[in-house]
Each structure stands twice: as C-alpha cells, then as structure tokens.
Amino acid sequence: MRTSAAFPYVISDERLHAYARVPLAERLRWLEELVRFTQAWRAAPEVDPQWVQPTAGAPR
C-alpha cells in the first residue's frame, strides 16, 4: 500500500501488469488528458461558498 498526503490507496500487481500492457501512445494520451484537466481546474475561478447549492443529504 502506498500512502499520499491526502489518502491511502492500494494498487494490485494485476493492475500494474495490465497498465504495463497498455500501449505507450495510449498512456501518453491519458497523461495529456490529465494535464488538460488539471490546467482547466487551476484556471477555474474560485466559487464563493454562499453561492454553492447544498447537495442532498449534505450537512448544513
């Protein structure tokens, strides 16, 4: 198990082997998508909490 600052997670050997079988071009495409997502998230404006709609079942 590997622990990051935010949360623990487990990656099985089977999943690592399956990832290793994915073609390099596909893995690079996934990486590019993650980079675009991360850049878009960082560029998004900050939301004032008073304007956020509460979700069903969320504590108030």
Protein backbone atom coordinates (compact mmCIF):
# COMPACT_ATOMS: atom_id res chain seq x y z
CA MET A 1 0.00 0.00 0.00
CA ARG A 2 1.18 3.48 -0.81
CA THR A 3 0.15 6.49 1.25
CA SER A 4 -0.06 10.02 -0.07
CA ALA A 5 -0.71 13.16 1.95
CA ALA A 6 -4.41 13.13 1.03
CA PHE A 7 -5.48 9.47 1.25
CA PRO A 8 -4.17 5.88 1.21
CA TYR A 9 -4.65 3.66 -1.82
CA VAL A 10 -3.70 0.16 -2.96
CA ILE A 11 -2.70 -0.88 -6.47
CA SER A 12 -2.65 -4.62 -7.05
CA ASP A 13 0.09 -6.34 -9.02
CA GLU A 14 -2.54 -7.40 -11.55
CA ARG A 15 -3.50 -3.78 -12.21
CA LEU A 16 0.14 -2.77 -12.59
CA HIS A 17 0.69 -5.57 -15.10
CA ALA A 18 -2.46 -4.59 -17.00
CA TYR A 19 -1.27 -0.96 -17.16
CA ALA A 20 2.13 -2.11 -18.42
CA ARG A 21 0.36 -3.88 -21.33
CA VAL A 22 -1.38 -0.65 -22.46
CA PRO A 23 0.44 0.81 -25.48
CA LEU A 24 2.70 3.76 -24.73
CA ALA A 25 0.76 6.07 -27.07
CA GLU A 26 -2.43 5.37 -25.09
CA ARG A 27 -0.72 6.05 -21.75
CA LEU A 28 0.65 9.32 -23.12
CA ARG A 29 -2.85 10.30 -24.30
CA TRP A 30 -4.17 9.65 -20.76
CA LEU A 31 -1.38 11.81 -19.36
CA GLU A 32 -2.20 14.65 -21.77
CA GLU A 33 -5.88 14.47 -20.74
CA LEU A 34 -4.91 14.66 -17.07
CA VAL A 35 -2.69 17.67 -17.74
CA ARG A 36 -5.51 19.47 -19.60
CA PHE A 37 -7.96 18.68 -16.80
CA THR A 38 -5.54 19.89 -14.13
CA GLN A 39 -4.81 23.11 -16.02
CA ALA A 40 -8.53 23.78 -16.50
CA TRP A 41 -9.20 23.16 -12.81
CA ARG A 42 -6.40 25.52 -11.76
CA ALA A 43 -7.67 28.21 -14.15
CA ALA A 44 -11.28 27.96 -12.93
CA PRO A 45 -12.49 30.88 -10.83
CA GLU A 46 -12.90 30.34 -7.11
CA VAL A 47 -16.51 29.88 -6.04
CA ASP A 48 -17.90 31.86 -3.10
CA PRO A 49 -19.30 29.22 -0.69
CA GLN A 50 -22.50 31.21 -0.15
CA TRP A 51 -23.40 30.62 -3.82
CA VAL A 52 -22.89 26.86 -3.74
CA GLN A 53 -26.11 24.81 -3.73
CA PRO A 54 -26.16 22.26 -0.89
CA THR A 55 -26.27 18.68 -2.12
CA ALA A 56 -28.95 16.25 -0.97
CA GLY A 57 -28.02 14.64 2.32
CA ALA A 58 -25.13 17.04 2.99
CA PRO A 59 -24.92 18.56 6.47
CA ARG A 60 -25.73 22.25 6.63
